[in-house]
PDB file of N, CA and C in Angstrom:
ATOM      1  N   MET A   1      13.231 -12.416  41.218  1.00  0.00           N
ATOM      2  CA  MET A   1      14.175 -13.328  40.587  1.00  0.00           C
ATOM      3  C   MET A   1      13.492 -14.197  39.536  1.00  0.00           C
ATOM      4  N   LYS A   2      12.281 -14.662  39.845  1.00  0.00           N
ATOM      5  CA  LYS A   2      11.574 -15.516  38.899  1.00  0.00           C
ATOM      6  C   LYS A   2      11.254 -14.755  37.606  1.00  0.00           C
ATOM      7  N   ASN A   3      10.882 -13.490  37.697  1.00  0.00           N
ATOM      8  CA  ASN A   3      10.577 -12.698  36.504  1.00  0.00           C
ATOM      9  C   ASN A   3      11.804 -12.500  35.632  1.00  0.00           C
ATOM     10  N   ASP A   4      12.982 -12.362  36.229  1.00  0.00           N
ATOM     11  CA  ASP A   4      14.210 -12.199  35.451  1.00  0.00           C
ATOM     12  C   ASP A   4      14.502 -13.442  34.618  1.00  0.00           C
ATOM     13  N   ILE A   5      14.277 -14.615  35.176  1.00  0.00           N
ATOM     14  CA  ILE A   5      14.520 -15.860  34.448  1.00  0.00           C
ATOM     15  C   ILE A   5      13.522 -15.993  33.303  1.00  0.00           C
ATOM     16  N   ALA A   6      12.273 -15.662  33.556  1.00  0.00           N
ATOM     17  CA  ALA A   6      11.254 -15.762  32.513  1.00  0.00           C
ATOM     18  C   ALA A   6      11.551 -14.799  31.371  1.00  0.00           C
ATOM     19  N   LYS A   7      12.021 -13.607  31.678  1.00  0.00           N
ATOM     20  CA  LYS A   7      12.339 -12.637  30.633  1.00  0.00           C
ATOM     21  C   LYS A   7      13.535 -13.076  29.803  1.00  0.00           C
ATOM     22  N   SER A   8      14.512 -13.711  30.425  1.00  0.00           N
ATOM     23  CA  SER A   8      15.703 -14.113  29.691  1.00  0.00           C
ATOM     24  C   SER A   8      15.422 -15.281  28.741  1.00  0.00           C
ATOM     25  N   ARG A   9      14.382 -16.067  28.996  1.00  0.00           N
ATOM     26  CA  ARG A   9      14.055 -17.210  28.148  1.00  0.00           C
ATOM     27  C   ARG A   9      13.012 -16.890  27.090  1.00  0.00           C
ATOM     28  N   SER A  10      12.483 -15.678  27.089  1.00  0.00           N
ATOM     29  CA  SER A  10      11.464 -15.343  26.093  1.00  0.00           C
ATOM     30  C   SER A  10      12.107 -15.144  24.723  1.00  0.00           C
ATOM     31  N   ALA A  11      11.300 -15.256  23.700  1.00  0.00           N
ATOM     32  CA  ALA A  11      11.788 -15.110  22.334  1.00  0.00           C
ATOM     33  C   ALA A  11      12.183 -13.654  22.081  1.00  0.00           C
ATOM     34  N   PRO A  12      13.195 -13.442  21.270  1.00  0.00           N
ATOM     35  CA  PRO A  12      13.600 -12.055  20.983  1.00  0.00           C
ATOM     36  C   PRO A  12      12.570 -11.356  20.100  1.00  0.00           C
ATOM     37  N   ASP A  13      12.497 -10.028  20.239  1.00  0.00           N
ATOM     38  CA  ASP A  13      11.558  -9.257  19.429  1.00  0.00           C
ATOM     39  C   ASP A  13      12.004  -9.179  17.976  1.00  0.00           C
ATOM     40  N   ARG A  14      13.287  -9.171  17.739  1.00  0.00           N
ATOM     41  CA  ARG A  14      13.842  -9.064  16.401  1.00  0.00           C
ATOM     42  C   ARG A  14      14.810 -10.211  16.155  1.00  0.00           C
ATOM     43  N   HIS A  15      14.827 -10.704  14.935  1.00  0.00           N
ATOM     44  CA  HIS A  15      15.761 -11.755  14.526  1.00  0.00           C
ATOM     45  C   HIS A  15      16.693 -11.147  13.493  1.00  0.00           C
ATOM     46  N   ARG A  16      17.984 -11.318  13.711  1.00  0.00           N
ATOM     47  CA  ARG A  16      18.970 -10.710  12.823  1.00  0.00           C
ATOM     48  C   ARG A  16      19.883 -11.783  12.239  1.00  0.00           C
ATOM     49  N   ALA A  17      20.243 -11.589  10.988  1.00  0.00           N
ATOM     50  CA  ALA A  17      21.177 -12.500  10.327  1.00  0.00           C
ATOM     51  C   ALA A  17      22.095 -11.665   9.438  1.00  0.00           C
ATOM     52  N   LYS A  18      23.312 -12.148   9.280  1.00  0.00           N
ATOM     53  CA  LYS A  18      24.285 -11.458   8.446  1.00  0.00           C
ATOM     54  C   LYS A  18      25.071 -12.502   7.664  1.00  0.00           C
ATOM     55  N   LEU A  19      25.243 -12.256   6.369  1.00  0.00           N
ATOM     56  CA  LEU A  19      25.964 -13.177   5.503  1.00  0.00           C
ATOM     57  C   LEU A  19      26.996 -12.385   4.718  1.00  0.00           C
ATOM     58  N   ARG A  20      28.231 -12.860   4.760  1.00  0.00           N
ATOM     59  CA  ARG A  20      29.304 -12.234   3.989  1.00  0.00           C
ATOM     60  C   ARG A  20      29.875 -13.260   3.028  1.00  0.00           C
ATOM     61  N   LEU A  21      29.883 -12.900   1.746  1.00  0.00           N
ATOM     62  CA  LEU A  21      30.446 -13.760   0.716  1.00  0.00           C
ATOM     63  C   LEU A  21      31.596 -13.023   0.048  1.00  0.00           C
ATOM     64  N   ARG A  22      32.604 -13.792  -0.293  1.00  0.00           N
ATOM     65  CA  ARG A  22      33.745 -13.199  -0.960  1.00  0.00           C
ATOM     66  C   ARG A  22      34.216 -14.138  -2.062  1.00  0.00           C
ATOM     67  N   ALA A  23      34.433 -13.591  -3.247  1.00  0.00           N
ATOM     68  CA  ALA A  23      34.925 -14.371  -4.377  1.00  0.00           C
ATOM     69  C   ALA A  23      36.149 -13.646  -4.937  1.00  0.00           C
ATOM     70  N   GLY A  24      37.289 -14.195  -4.706  1.00  0.00           N
ATOM     71  CA  GLY A  24      38.514 -13.561  -5.181  1.00  0.00           C
ATOM     72  C   GLY A  24      38.890 -12.362  -4.335  1.00  0.00           C
ATOM     73  N   LYS A  25      39.679 -11.474  -4.931  1.00  0.00           N
ATOM     74  CA  LYS A  25      40.145 -10.314  -4.187  1.00  0.00           C
ATOM     75  C   LYS A  25      39.249  -9.091  -4.347  1.00  0.00           C
ATOM     76  N   ARG A  26      38.470  -9.037  -5.415  1.00  0.00           N
ATOM     77  CA  ARG A  26      37.718  -7.827  -5.715  1.00  0.00           C
ATOM     78  C   ARG A  26      36.224  -7.922  -5.453  1.00  0.00           C
ATOM     79  N   VAL A  27      35.679  -9.106  -5.422  1.00  0.00           N
ATOM     80  CA  VAL A  27      34.229  -9.262  -5.312  1.00  0.00           C
ATOM     81  C   VAL A  27      33.863  -9.687  -3.901  1.00  0.00           C
ATOM     82  N   SER A  28      33.016  -8.897  -3.265  1.00  0.00           N
ATOM     83  CA  SER A  28      32.500  -9.269  -1.948  1.00  0.00           C
ATOM     84  C   SER A  28      31.047  -8.807  -1.851  1.00  0.00           C
ATOM     85  N   LEU A  29      30.285  -9.516  -1.050  1.00  0.00           N
ATOM     86  CA  LEU A  29      28.867  -9.247  -0.905  1.00  0.00           C
ATOM     87  C   LEU A  29      28.498  -9.416   0.556  1.00  0.00           C
ATOM     88  N   THR A  30      27.794  -8.438   1.109  1.00  0.00           N
ATOM     89  CA  THR A  30      27.337  -8.515   2.490  1.00  0.00           C
ATOM     90  C   THR A  30      25.825  -8.331   2.510  1.00  0.00           C
ATOM     91  N   LEU A  31      25.123  -9.282   3.110  1.00  0.00           N
ATOM     92  CA  LEU A  31      23.668  -9.233   3.234  1.00  0.00           C
ATOM     93  C   LEU A  31      23.299  -9.188   4.709  1.00  0.00           C
ATOM     94  N   GLN A  32      22.345  -8.322   5.054  1.00  0.00           N
ATOM     95  CA  GLN A  32      21.861  -8.241   6.429  1.00  0.00           C
ATOM     96  C   GLN A  32      20.346  -8.345   6.422  1.00  0.00           C
ATOM     97  N   LEU A  33      19.814  -9.074   7.394  1.00  0.00           N
ATOM     98  CA  LEU A  33      18.369  -9.261   7.505  1.00  0.00           C
ATOM     99  C   LEU A  33      17.960  -8.970   8.934  1.00  0.00           C
ATOM    100  N   ASP A  34      16.917  -8.185   9.084  1.00  0.00           N
ATOM    101  CA  ASP A  34      16.370  -7.864  10.394  1.00  0.00           C
ATOM    102  C   ASP A  34      14.857  -7.996  10.291  1.00  0.00           C
ATOM    103  N   VAL A  35      14.285  -8.980  10.983  1.00  0.00           N
ATOM    104  CA  VAL A  35      12.851  -9.255  10.855  1.00  0.00           C
ATOM    105  C   VAL A  35      12.262  -9.514  12.241  1.00  0.00           C
ATOM    106  N   SER A  36      11.011  -9.122  12.425  1.00  0.00           N
ATOM    107  CA  SER A  36      10.329  -9.362  13.691  1.00  0.00           C
ATOM    108  C   SER A  36       9.783 -10.791  13.726  1.00  0.00           C
ATOM    109  N   SER A  37       9.327 -11.199  14.880  1.00  0.00           N
ATOM    110  CA  SER A  37       8.757 -12.545  15.015  1.00  0.00           C
ATOM    111  C   SER A  37       7.495 -12.685  14.171  1.00  0.00           C
ATOM    112  N   GLY A  38       6.670 -11.653  14.139  1.00  0.00           N
ATOM    113  CA  GLY A  38       5.467 -11.679  13.304  1.00  0.00           C
ATOM    114  C   GLY A  38       5.808 -11.730  11.824  1.00  0.00           C
ATOM    115  N   GLY A  39       6.836 -11.003  11.437  1.00  0.00           N
ATOM    116  CA  GLY A  39       7.276 -11.027  10.044  1.00  0.00           C
ATOM    117  C   GLY A  39       7.806 -12.387   9.644  1.00  0.00           C
ATOM    118  N   LEU A  40       8.536 -13.023  10.547  1.00  0.00           N
ATOM    119  CA  LEU A  40       9.061 -14.359  10.279  1.00  0.00           C
ATOM    120  C   LEU A  40       7.923 -15.362  10.111  1.00  0.00           C
ATOM    121  N   PHE A  41       6.888 -15.235  10.927  1.00  0.00           N
ATOM    122  CA  PHE A  41       5.714 -16.095  10.798  1.00  0.00           C
ATOM    123  C   PHE A  41       5.010 -15.849   9.457  1.00  0.00           C
ATOM    124  N   SER A  42       4.879 -14.581   9.070  1.00  0.00           N
ATOM    125  CA  SER A  42       4.237 -14.242   7.803  1.00  0.00           C
ATOM    126  C   SER A  42       5.004 -14.799   6.612  1.00  0.00           C
ATOM    127  N   ILE A  43       6.320 -14.736   6.667  1.00  0.00           N
ATOM    128  CA  ILE A  43       7.149 -15.301   5.600  1.00  0.00           C
ATOM    129  C   ILE A  43       6.912 -16.801   5.491  1.00  0.00           C
ATOM    130  N   GLY A  44       6.843 -17.486   6.617  1.00  0.00           N
ATOM    131  CA  GLY A  44       6.577 -18.926   6.611  1.00  0.00           C
ATOM    132  C   GLY A  44       5.226 -19.261   6.013  1.00  0.00           C
ATOM    133  N   VAL A  45       4.199 -18.475   6.340  1.00  0.00           N
ATOM    134  CA  VAL A  45       2.858 -18.704   5.792  1.00  0.00           C
ATOM    135  C   VAL A  45       2.855 -18.476   4.285  1.00  0.00           C
ATOM    136  N   LEU A  46       3.521 -17.416   3.819  1.00  0.00           N
ATOM    137  CA  LEU A  46       3.569 -17.134   2.382  1.00  0.00           C
ATOM    138  C   LEU A  46       4.277 -18.240   1.606  1.00  0.00           C
ATOM    139  N   VAL A  47       5.408 -18.704   2.116  1.00  0.00           N
ATOM    140  CA  VAL A  47       6.153 -19.760   1.428  1.00  0.00           C
ATOM    141  C   VAL A  47       5.328 -21.046   1.399  1.00  0.00           C
ATOM    142  N   SER A  48       4.682 -21.365   2.500  1.00  0.00           N
ATOM    143  CA  SER A  48       3.844 -22.570   2.541  1.00  0.00           C
ATOM    144  C   SER A  48       2.695 -22.487   1.548  1.00  0.00           C
ATOM    145  N   SER A  49       2.051 -21.338   1.469  1.00  0.00           N
ATOM    146  CA  SER A  49       0.922 -21.209   0.544  1.00  0.00           C
ATOM    147  C   SER A  49       1.385 -21.251  -0.915  1.00  0.00           C
ATOM    148  N   ILE A  50       2.543 -20.693  -1.211  1.00  0.00           N
ATOM    149  CA  ILE A  50       3.069 -20.755  -2.575  1.00  0.00           C
ATOM    150  C   ILE A  50       3.367 -22.192  -2.968  1.00  0.00           C
ATOM    151  N   LEU A  51       4.008 -22.938  -2.078  1.00  0.00           N
ATOM    152  CA  LEU A  51       4.325 -24.336  -2.375  1.00  0.00           C
ATOM    153  C   LEU A  51       3.063 -25.172  -2.534  1.00  0.00           C
ATOM    154  N   LEU A  52       2.079 -24.940  -1.691  1.00  0.00           N
ATOM    155  CA  LEU A  52       0.825 -25.682  -1.785  1.00  0.00           C
ATOM    156  C   LEU A  52       0.088 -25.365  -3.083  1.00  0.00           C
ATOM    157  N   SER A  53       0.017 -24.094  -3.446  1.00  0.00           N
ATOM    158  CA  SER A  53      -0.689 -23.734  -4.679  1.00  0.00           C
ATOM    159  C   SER A  53       0.042 -24.253  -5.909  1.00  0.00           C
ATOM    160  N   THR A  54       1.364 -24.286  -5.876  1.00  0.00           N
ATOM    161  CA  THR A  54       2.126 -24.831  -6.995  1.00  0.00           C
ATOM    162  C   THR A  54       1.833 -26.318  -7.171  1.00  0.00           C
ATOM    163  N   ALA A  55       1.758 -27.042  -6.079  1.00  0.00           N
ATOM    164  CA  ALA A  55       1.449 -28.469  -6.155  1.00  0.00           C
ATOM    165  C   ALA A  55       0.062 -28.700  -6.732  1.00  0.00           C
ATOM    166  N   ILE A  56      -0.891 -27.862  -6.377  1.00  0.00           N
ATOM    167  CA  ILE A  56      -2.250 -28.004  -6.892  1.00  0.00           C
ATOM    168  C   ILE A  56      -2.293 -27.720  -8.390  1.00  0.00           C
ATOM    169  N   VAL A  57      -1.582 -26.687  -8.835  1.00  0.00           N
ATOM    170  CA  VAL A  57      -1.560 -26.346 -10.259  1.00  0.00           C
ATOM    171  C   VAL A  57      -0.913 -27.463 -11.072  1.00  0.00           C
ATOM    172  N   VAL A  58       0.167 -28.028 -10.577  1.00  0.00           N
ATOM    173  CA  VAL A  58       0.847 -29.120 -11.288  1.00  0.00           C
ATOM    174  C   VAL A  58      -0.057 -30.337 -11.375  1.00  0.00           C
ATOM    175  N   ARG A  59      -0.736 -30.644 -10.286  1.00  0.00           N
ATOM    176  CA  ARG A  59      -1.619 -31.815 -10.304  1.00  0.00           C
ATOM    177  C   ARG A  59      -2.787 -31.614 -11.265  1.00  0.00           C
ATOM    178  N   SER A  60      -3.355 -30.422 -11.272  1.00  0.00           N
ATOM    179  CA  SER A  60      -4.486 -30.185 -12.181  1.00  0.00           C
ATOM    180  C   SER A  60      -4.026 -30.162 -13.638  1.00  0.00           C
ATOM    181  N   ALA A  61      -2.811 -29.717 -13.891  1.00  0.00           N
ATOM    182  CA  ALA A  61      -2.301 -29.711 -15.270  1.00  0.00           C
ATOM    183  C   ALA A  61      -2.087 -31.133 -15.776  1.00  0.00           C
ATOM    184  N   LYS A  62      -1.749 -32.044 -14.903  1.00  0.00           N
ATOM    185  CA  LYS A  62      -1.549 -33.435 -15.308  1.00  0.00           C
ATOM    186  C   LYS A  62      -2.865 -34.138 -15.605  1.00  0.00           C
ATOM    187  N   THR A  63      -3.962 -33.691 -15.017  1.00  0.00           N
ATOM    188  CA  THR A  63      -5.232 -34.396 -15.173  1.00  0.00           C
ATOM    189  C   THR A  63      -6.153 -33.769 -16.215  1.00  0.00           C
ATOM    190  N   LEU A  64      -5.714 -32.713 -16.916  1.00  0.00           N
ATOM    191  CA  LEU A  64      -6.563 -32.116 -17.934  1.00  0.00           C
ATOM    192  C   LEU A  64      -6.708 -33.057 -19.128  1.00  0.00           C
ATOM    193  N   PRO A  65      -7.882 -33.153 -19.684  1.00  0.00           N
ATOM    194  CA  PRO A  65      -8.094 -34.063 -20.819  1.00  0.00           C
ATOM    195  C   PRO A  65      -7.673 -33.445 -22.156  1.00  0.00           C
ATOM    196  N   PHE A  66      -6.391 -33.395 -22.419  1.00  0.00           N
ATOM    197  CA  PHE A  66      -5.885 -32.834 -23.676  1.00  0.00           C
ATOM    198  C   PHE A  66      -6.304 -33.718 -24.861  1.00  0.00           C
ATOM    199  N   ALA A  67      -6.387 -35.000 -24.660  1.00  0.00           N
ATOM    200  CA  ALA A  67      -6.748 -35.917 -25.745  1.00  0.00           C
ATOM    201  C   ALA A  67      -8.176 -35.646 -26.220  1.00  0.00           C
ATOM    202  N   ALA A  68      -9.068 -35.282 -25.329  1.00  0.00           N
ATOM    203  CA  ALA A  68     -10.450 -34.997 -25.726  1.00  0.00           C
ATOM    204  C   ALA A  68     -10.517 -33.750 -26.606  1.00  0.00           C
ATOM    205  N   ALA A  69      -9.688 -32.776 -26.377  1.00  0.00           N
ATOM    206  CA  ALA A  69      -9.665 -31.571 -27.199  1.00  0.00           C
ATOM    207  C   ALA A  69      -9.169 -31.901 -28.594  1.00  0.00           C
ATOM    208  N   ASP A  70      -8.241 -32.844 -28.745  1.00  0.00           N
ATOM    209  CA  ASP A  70      -7.738 -33.238 -30.055  1.00  0.00           C
ATOM    210  C   ASP A  70      -8.780 -33.997 -30.857  1.00  0.00           C
ATOM    211  N   ASP A  71      -9.638 -34.756 -30.203  1.00  0.00           N
ATOM    212  CA  ASP A  71     -10.662 -35.545 -30.881  1.00  0.00           C
ATOM    213  C   ASP A  71     -11.729 -34.665 -31.529  1.00  0.00           C
ATOM    214  N   GLU A  72     -12.018 -33.505 -30.911  1.00  0.00           N
ATOM    215  CA  GLU A  72     -13.057 -32.628 -31.427  1.00  0.00           C
ATOM    216  C   GLU A  72     -12.620 -31.902 -32.701  1.00  0.00           C
ATOM    217  N   ALA A  73     -11.357 -31.694 -32.867  1.00  0.00           N
ATOM    218  CA  ALA A  73     -10.872 -30.893 -34.014  1.00  0.00           C
ATOM    219  C   ALA A  73     -10.898 -31.629 -35.310  1.00  0.00           C
TER     220      ALA A  73
END
C-alpha cells in the first residue's frame, strides 16, 4: 500500500500541453507540446543562460569608451 501512494505522488515522465486558438470562423490554430522532465529542465537552463548572457552584453555595451575612439580620429 505504501508503494502505491509513493508512485501516485511521483512526477510524471512526460508533460503535455495543448493550446487551441480560434479567430473568426475560418482561422484556427492547434498547438501540442509533449516534453520529458529532463527536456523541461534543459529548456529552463537554456532560457536562463540566454537571459543572463543578454544582460552581460547590454551592460558591456553601455560601458565601452566610445568617446575615447572619437578623440583619436
